[in-house]
Amino acid sequence: MSAPSLRPAELDEPALSRIRSLEDRLGGPLVAYEPESPFATLTAEQLEDLRATERELGVRLLAYGS
C-alpha cells in the first residue's frame, strides 16, 4: 500500500509573500510542501458508491488512481 507523499509546493507570488511574512513573524525559514496522492479522484456518485459498499461490508476501502 502506498501512502501520500510530499513534494515542494509551487506557489504564486501572493502565497510566497504570505509565507515570507509568516517567516518574519516566526523568526525562521519555512518550507511549503503539497501532498502527492496515489489515490483516485472520484466523482460524487463514485464516492457515494464506495461509501455504501464500505457500510455494507463493514470495511474501509482505498481507491487508487491508475
PDB file of N, CA and C in Angstrom:
ATOM      1  N   MET A   1       0.851  -1.176   0.000  1.00  0.00           N
ATOM      2  CA  MET A   1       0.000   0.000   0.000  1.00  0.00           C
ATOM      3  C   MET A   1       0.892   1.233   0.000  1.00  0.00           C
ATOM      4  N   SER A   2       0.512   2.184  -0.783  1.00  0.00           N
ATOM      5  CA  SER A   2       1.290   3.408  -0.913  1.00  0.00           C
ATOM      6  C   SER A   2       0.562   4.563  -0.234  1.00  0.00           C
ATOM      7  N   ALA A   3       1.254   5.310   0.576  1.00  0.00           N
ATOM      8  CA  ALA A   3       0.670   6.464   1.267  1.00  0.00           C
ATOM      9  C   ALA A   3       0.983   7.730   0.481  1.00  0.00           C
ATOM     10  N   PRO A   4       0.222   8.783   0.730  1.00  0.00           N
ATOM     11  CA  PRO A   4       0.543  10.047   0.072  1.00  0.00           C
ATOM     12  C   PRO A   4       1.966  10.479   0.409  1.00  0.00           C
ATOM     13  N   SER A   5       2.631  11.085  -0.555  1.00  0.00           N
ATOM     14  CA  SER A   5       3.969  11.611  -0.305  1.00  0.00           C
ATOM     15  C   SER A   5       3.906  13.128  -0.444  1.00  0.00           C
ATOM     16  N   LEU A   6       4.993  13.772  -0.115  1.00  0.00           N
ATOM     17  CA  LEU A   6       5.049  15.227  -0.195  1.00  0.00           C
ATOM     18  C   LEU A   6       6.066  15.641  -1.234  1.00  0.00           C
ATOM     19  N   ARG A   7       5.785  16.757  -1.893  1.00  0.00           N
ATOM     20  CA  ARG A   7       6.740  17.350  -2.830  1.00  0.00           C
ATOM     21  C   ARG A   7       6.708  18.853  -2.597  1.00  0.00           C
ATOM     22  N   PRO A   8       7.775  19.552  -2.941  1.00  0.00           N
ATOM     23  CA  PRO A   8       7.772  21.005  -2.740  1.00  0.00           C
ATOM     24  C   PRO A   8       6.605  21.653  -3.484  1.00  0.00           C
ATOM     25  N   ALA A   9       5.959  22.589  -2.813  1.00  0.00           N
ATOM     26  CA  ALA A   9       4.804  23.274  -3.394  1.00  0.00           C
ATOM     27  C   ALA A   9       5.243  24.308  -4.422  1.00  0.00           C
ATOM     28  N   GLU A  10       4.449  24.449  -5.470  1.00  0.00           N
ATOM     29  CA  GLU A  10       4.663  25.508  -6.454  1.00  0.00           C
ATOM     30  C   GLU A  10       3.708  26.635  -6.091  1.00  0.00           C
ATOM     31  N   LEU A  11       4.261  27.749  -5.612  1.00  0.00           N
ATOM     32  CA  LEU A  11       3.457  28.843  -5.082  1.00  0.00           C
ATOM     33  C   LEU A  11       3.528  30.069  -5.979  1.00  0.00           C
ATOM     34  N   ASP A  12       2.414  30.787  -6.049  1.00  0.00           N
ATOM     35  CA  ASP A  12       2.408  32.053  -6.784  1.00  0.00           C
ATOM     36  C   ASP A  12       2.949  33.153  -5.872  1.00  0.00           C
ATOM     37  N   GLU A  13       3.130  34.342  -6.418  1.00  0.00           N
ATOM     38  CA  GLU A  13       3.728  35.445  -5.651  1.00  0.00           C
ATOM     39  C   GLU A  13       2.931  35.815  -4.397  1.00  0.00           C
ATOM     40  N   PRO A  14       1.593  35.897  -4.447  1.00  0.00           N
ATOM     41  CA  PRO A  14       0.864  36.214  -3.211  1.00  0.00           C
ATOM     42  C   PRO A  14       1.088  35.168  -2.110  1.00  0.00           C
ATOM     43  N   ALA A  15       1.146  33.908  -2.485  1.00  0.00           N
ATOM     44  CA  ALA A  15       1.385  32.861  -1.488  1.00  0.00           C
ATOM     45  C   ALA A  15       2.800  32.958  -0.926  1.00  0.00           C
ATOM     46  N   LEU A  16       3.771  33.203  -1.803  1.00  0.00           N
ATOM     47  CA  LEU A  16       5.154  33.368  -1.338  1.00  0.00           C
ATOM     48  C   LEU A  16       5.279  34.552  -0.393  1.00  0.00           C
ATOM     49  N   SER A  17       4.616  35.644  -0.718  1.00  0.00           N
ATOM     50  CA  SER A  17       4.641  36.825   0.126  1.00  0.00           C
ATOM     51  C   SER A  17       4.054  36.527   1.499  1.00  0.00           C
ATOM     52  N   ARG A  18       2.971  35.788   1.508  1.00  0.00           N
ATOM     53  CA  ARG A  18       2.341  35.425   2.788  1.00  0.00           C
ATOM     54  C   ARG A  18       3.268  34.550   3.627  1.00  0.00           C
ATOM     55  N   ILE A  19       3.948  33.610   2.979  1.00  0.00           N
ATOM     56  CA  ILE A  19       4.886  32.737   3.702  1.00  0.00           C
ATOM     57  C   ILE A  19       6.076  33.543   4.210  1.00  0.00           C
ATOM     58  N   ARG A  20       6.592  34.455   3.394  1.00  0.00           N
ATOM     59  CA  ARG A  20       7.714  35.296   3.849  1.00  0.00           C
ATOM     60  C   ARG A  20       7.322  36.129   5.065  1.00  0.00           C
ATOM     61  N   SER A  21       6.094  36.628   5.055  1.00  0.00           N
ATOM     62  CA  SER A  21       5.606  37.403   6.192  1.00  0.00           C
ATOM     63  C   SER A  21       5.533  36.536   7.448  1.00  0.00           C
ATOM     64  N   LEU A  22       5.066  35.314   7.286  1.00  0.00           N
ATOM     65  CA  LEU A  22       5.000  34.394   8.425  1.00  0.00           C
ATOM     66  C   LEU A  22       6.397  34.033   8.906  1.00  0.00           C
ATOM     67  N   GLU A  23       7.332  33.856   7.975  1.00  0.00           N
ATOM     68  CA  GLU A  23       8.720  33.592   8.363  1.00  0.00           C
ATOM     69  C   GLU A  23       9.257  34.724   9.230  1.00  0.00           C
ATOM     70  N   ASP A  24       8.971  35.962   8.841  1.00  0.00           N
ATOM     71  CA  ASP A  24       9.415  37.118   9.623  1.00  0.00           C
ATOM     72  C   ASP A  24       8.825  37.082  11.032  1.00  0.00           C
ATOM     73  N   ARG A  25       7.538  36.765  11.129  1.00  0.00           N
ATOM     74  CA  ARG A  25       6.882  36.740  12.440  1.00  0.00           C
ATOM     75  C   ARG A  25       7.380  35.579  13.308  1.00  0.00           C
ATOM     76  N   LEU A  26       7.699  34.450  12.668  1.00  0.00           N
ATOM     77  CA  LEU A  26       8.172  33.279  13.421  1.00  0.00           C
ATOM     78  C   LEU A  26       9.665  33.323  13.684  1.00  0.00           C
ATOM     79  N   GLY A  27      10.388  34.102  12.900  1.00  0.00           N
ATOM     80  CA  GLY A  27      11.822  34.223  13.093  1.00  0.00           C
ATOM     81  C   GLY A  27      12.632  33.094  12.489  1.00  0.00           C
ATOM     82  N   GLY A  28      12.115  32.441  11.464  1.00  0.00           N
ATOM     83  CA  GLY A  28      12.871  31.363  10.830  1.00  0.00           C
ATOM     84  C   GLY A  28      12.243  30.937   9.517  1.00  0.00           C
ATOM     85  N   PRO A  29      12.990  30.133   8.760  1.00  0.00           N
ATOM     86  CA  PRO A  29      12.516  29.727   7.435  1.00  0.00           C
ATOM     87  C   PRO A  29      11.405  28.683   7.502  1.00  0.00           C
ATOM     88  N   LEU A  30      10.567  28.717   6.476  1.00  0.00           N
ATOM     89  CA  LEU A  30       9.516  27.723   6.290  1.00  0.00           C
ATOM     90  C   LEU A  30       9.692  27.082   4.923  1.00  0.00           C
ATOM     91  N   VAL A  31       9.283  25.841   4.788  1.00  0.00           N
ATOM     92  CA  VAL A  31       9.275  25.148   3.507  1.00  0.00           C
ATOM     93  C   VAL A  31       7.849  24.669   3.259  1.00  0.00           C
ATOM     94  N   ALA A  32       7.312  24.983   2.095  1.00  0.00           N
ATOM     95  CA  ALA A  32       5.947  24.591   1.755  1.00  0.00           C
ATOM     96  C   ALA A  32       5.965  23.306   0.930  1.00  0.00           C
ATOM     97  N   TYR A  33       5.190  22.346   1.363  1.00  0.00           N
ATOM     98  CA  TYR A  33       5.032  21.083   0.648  1.00  0.00           C
ATOM     99  C   TYR A  33       3.566  20.885   0.321  1.00  0.00           C
ATOM    100  N   GLU A  34       3.311  20.137  -0.728  1.00  0.00           N
ATOM    101  CA  GLU A  34       1.944  19.758  -1.045  1.00  0.00           C
ATOM    102  C   GLU A  34       1.902  18.246  -1.230  1.00  0.00           C
ATOM    103  N   PRO A  35       0.773  17.643  -0.863  1.00  0.00           N
ATOM    104  CA  PRO A  35       0.677  16.190  -0.974  1.00  0.00           C
ATOM    105  C   PRO A  35       0.596  15.730  -2.424  1.00  0.00           C
ATOM    106  N   GLU A  36       1.186  14.618  -2.681  1.00  0.00           N
ATOM    107  CA  GLU A  36       1.094  13.960  -3.980  1.00  0.00           C
ATOM    108  C   GLU A  36       0.469  12.601  -3.690  1.00  0.00           C
ATOM    109  N   SER A  37      -0.782  12.436  -4.037  1.00  0.00           N
ATOM    110  CA  SER A  37      -1.548  11.276  -3.619  1.00  0.00           C
ATOM    111  C   SER A  37      -1.661  10.212  -4.698  1.00  0.00           C
ATOM    112  N   PRO A  38      -1.497   8.939  -4.296  1.00  0.00           N
ATOM    113  CA  PRO A  38      -1.707   7.849  -5.242  1.00  0.00           C
ATOM    114  C   PRO A  38      -3.191   7.481  -5.367  1.00  0.00           C
ATOM    115  N   PHE A  39      -4.036   8.152  -4.577  1.00  0.00           N
ATOM    116  CA  PHE A  39      -5.441   7.787  -4.532  1.00  0.00           C
ATOM    117  C   PHE A  39      -6.220   8.379  -5.701  1.00  0.00           C
ATOM    118  N   ALA A  40      -7.246   7.668  -6.106  1.00  0.00           N
ATOM    119  CA  ALA A  40      -8.073   8.083  -7.241  1.00  0.00           C
ATOM    120  C   ALA A  40      -8.911   9.302  -6.883  1.00  0.00           C
ATOM    121  N   THR A  41      -9.168  10.133  -7.882  1.00  0.00           N
ATOM    122  CA  THR A  41     -10.102  11.235  -7.742  1.00  0.00           C
ATOM    123  C   THR A  41     -11.461  10.709  -8.183  1.00  0.00           C
ATOM    124  N   LEU A  42     -12.413  10.693  -7.255  1.00  0.00           N
ATOM    125  CA  LEU A  42     -13.724  10.107  -7.528  1.00  0.00           C
ATOM    126  C   LEU A  42     -14.783  11.181  -7.694  1.00  0.00           C
ATOM    127  N   THR A  43     -15.756  10.894  -8.527  1.00  0.00           N
ATOM    128  CA  THR A  43     -16.914  11.775  -8.642  1.00  0.00           C
ATOM    129  C   THR A  43     -17.768  11.590  -7.390  1.00  0.00           C
ATOM    130  N   ALA A  44     -18.719  12.484  -7.176  1.00  0.00           N
ATOM    131  CA  ALA A  44     -19.611  12.369  -6.018  1.00  0.00           C
ATOM    132  C   ALA A  44     -20.357  11.036  -6.057  1.00  0.00           C
ATOM    133  N   GLU A  45     -20.780  10.629  -7.238  1.00  0.00           N
ATOM    134  CA  GLU A  45     -21.509   9.362  -7.382  1.00  0.00           C
ATOM    135  C   GLU A  45     -20.611   8.170  -7.052  1.00  0.00           C
ATOM    136  N   GLN A  46     -19.376   8.191  -7.544  1.00  0.00           N
ATOM    137  CA  GLN A  46     -18.436   7.112  -7.254  1.00  0.00           C
ATOM    138  C   GLN A  46     -18.116   7.043  -5.760  1.00  0.00           C
ATOM    139  N   LEU A  47     -17.938   8.214  -5.143  1.00  0.00           N
ATOM    140  CA  LEU A  47     -17.637   8.264  -3.720  1.00  0.00           C
ATOM    141  C   LEU A  47     -18.793   7.706  -2.900  1.00  0.00           C
ATOM    142  N   GLU A  48     -20.008   8.041  -3.253  1.00  0.00           N
ATOM    143  CA  GLU A  48     -21.166   7.505  -2.545  1.00  0.00           C
ATOM    144  C   GLU A  48     -21.262   6.000  -2.713  1.00  0.00           C
ATOM    145  N   ASP A  49     -20.968   5.500  -3.906  1.00  0.00           N
ATOM    146  CA  ASP A  49     -20.976   4.055  -4.151  1.00  0.00           C
ATOM    147  C   ASP A  49     -19.921   3.369  -3.286  1.00  0.00           C
ATOM    148  N   LEU A  50     -18.733   3.974  -3.205  1.00  0.00           N
ATOM    149  CA  LEU A  50     -17.667   3.426  -2.368  1.00  0.00           C
ATOM    150  C   LEU A  50     -18.093   3.407  -0.904  1.00  0.00           C
ATOM    151  N   ARG A  51     -18.662   4.505  -0.427  1.00  0.00           N
ATOM    152  CA  ARG A  51     -19.097   4.579   0.981  1.00  0.00           C
ATOM    153  C   ARG A  51     -20.220   3.589   1.280  1.00  0.00           C
ATOM    154  N   ALA A  52     -21.126   3.418   0.344  1.00  0.00           N
ATOM    155  CA  ALA A  52     -22.212   2.449   0.539  1.00  0.00           C
ATOM    156  C   ALA A  52     -21.641   1.036   0.642  1.00  0.00           C
ATOM    157  N   THR A  53     -20.665   0.718  -0.187  1.00  0.00           N
ATOM    158  CA  THR A  53     -20.027  -0.596  -0.130  1.00  0.00           C
ATOM    159  C   THR A  53     -19.288  -0.775   1.188  1.00  0.00           C
ATOM    160  N   GLU A  54     -18.620   0.277   1.665  1.00  0.00           N
ATOM    161  CA  GLU A  54     -17.954   0.215   2.972  1.00  0.00           C
ATOM    162  C   GLU A  54     -18.956  -0.110   4.070  1.00  0.00           C
ATOM    163  N   ARG A  55     -20.088   0.603   4.067  1.00  0.00           N
ATOM    164  CA  ARG A  55     -21.115   0.363   5.102  1.00  0.00           C
ATOM    165  C   ARG A  55     -21.649  -1.058   5.013  1.00  0.00           C
ATOM    166  N   GLU A  56     -21.902  -1.505   3.804  1.00  0.00           N
ATOM    167  CA  GLU A  56     -22.453  -2.838   3.588  1.00  0.00           C
ATOM    168  C   GLU A  56     -21.505  -3.940   4.068  1.00  0.00           C
ATOM    169  N   LEU A  57     -20.223  -3.761   3.781  1.00  0.00           N
ATOM    170  CA  LEU A  57     -19.242  -4.791   4.110  1.00  0.00           C
ATOM    171  C   LEU A  57     -18.552  -4.588   5.457  1.00  0.00           C
ATOM    172  N   GLY A  58     -18.710  -3.394   6.045  1.00  0.00           N
ATOM    173  CA  GLY A  58     -18.047  -3.111   7.321  1.00  0.00           C
ATOM    174  C   GLY A  58     -16.547  -3.003   7.191  1.00  0.00           C
ATOM    175  N   VAL A  59     -16.083  -2.444   6.065  1.00  0.00           N
ATOM    176  CA  VAL A  59     -14.644  -2.293   5.822  1.00  0.00           C
ATOM    177  C   VAL A  59     -14.351  -0.864   5.402  1.00  0.00           C
ATOM    178  N   ARG A  60     -13.079  -0.533   5.271  1.00  0.00           N
ATOM    179  CA  ARG A  60     -12.635   0.733   4.701  1.00  0.00           C
ATOM    180  C   ARG A  60     -11.962   0.415   3.379  1.00  0.00           C
ATOM    181  N   LEU A  61     -12.339   1.125   2.340  1.00  0.00           N
ATOM    182  CA  LEU A  61     -11.771   0.918   1.018  1.00  0.00           C
ATOM    183  C   LEU A  61     -10.932   2.127   0.603  1.00  0.00           C
ATOM    184  N   LEU A  62      -9.834   1.878  -0.090  1.00  0.00           N
ATOM    185  CA  LEU A  62      -8.991   2.928  -0.660  1.00  0.00           C
ATOM    186  C   LEU A  62      -9.005   2.751  -2.165  1.00  0.00           C
ATOM    187  N   ALA A  63      -9.350   3.798  -2.889  1.00  0.00           N
ATOM    188  CA  ALA A  63      -9.368   3.751  -4.351  1.00  0.00           C
ATOM    189  C   ALA A  63      -8.091   4.387  -4.874  1.00  0.00           C
ATOM    190  N   TYR A  64      -7.337   3.623  -5.633  1.00  0.00           N
ATOM    191  CA  TYR A  64      -6.077   4.093  -6.207  1.00  0.00           C
ATOM    192  C   TYR A  64      -6.274   4.534  -7.639  1.00  0.00           C
ATOM    193  N   GLY A  65      -5.582   5.587  -8.029  1.00  0.00           N
ATOM    194  CA  GLY A  65      -5.616   6.071  -9.402  1.00  0.00           C
ATOM    195  C   GLY A  65      -4.778   5.161 -10.292  1.00  0.00           C
ATOM    196  N   SER A  66      -5.073   5.208 -11.562  1.00  0.00           N
ATOM    197  CA  SER A  66      -4.306   4.352 -12.488  1.00  0.00           C
ATOM    198  C   SER A  66      -3.395   5.192 -13.357  1.00  0.00           C
TER     199      SER A  66
END
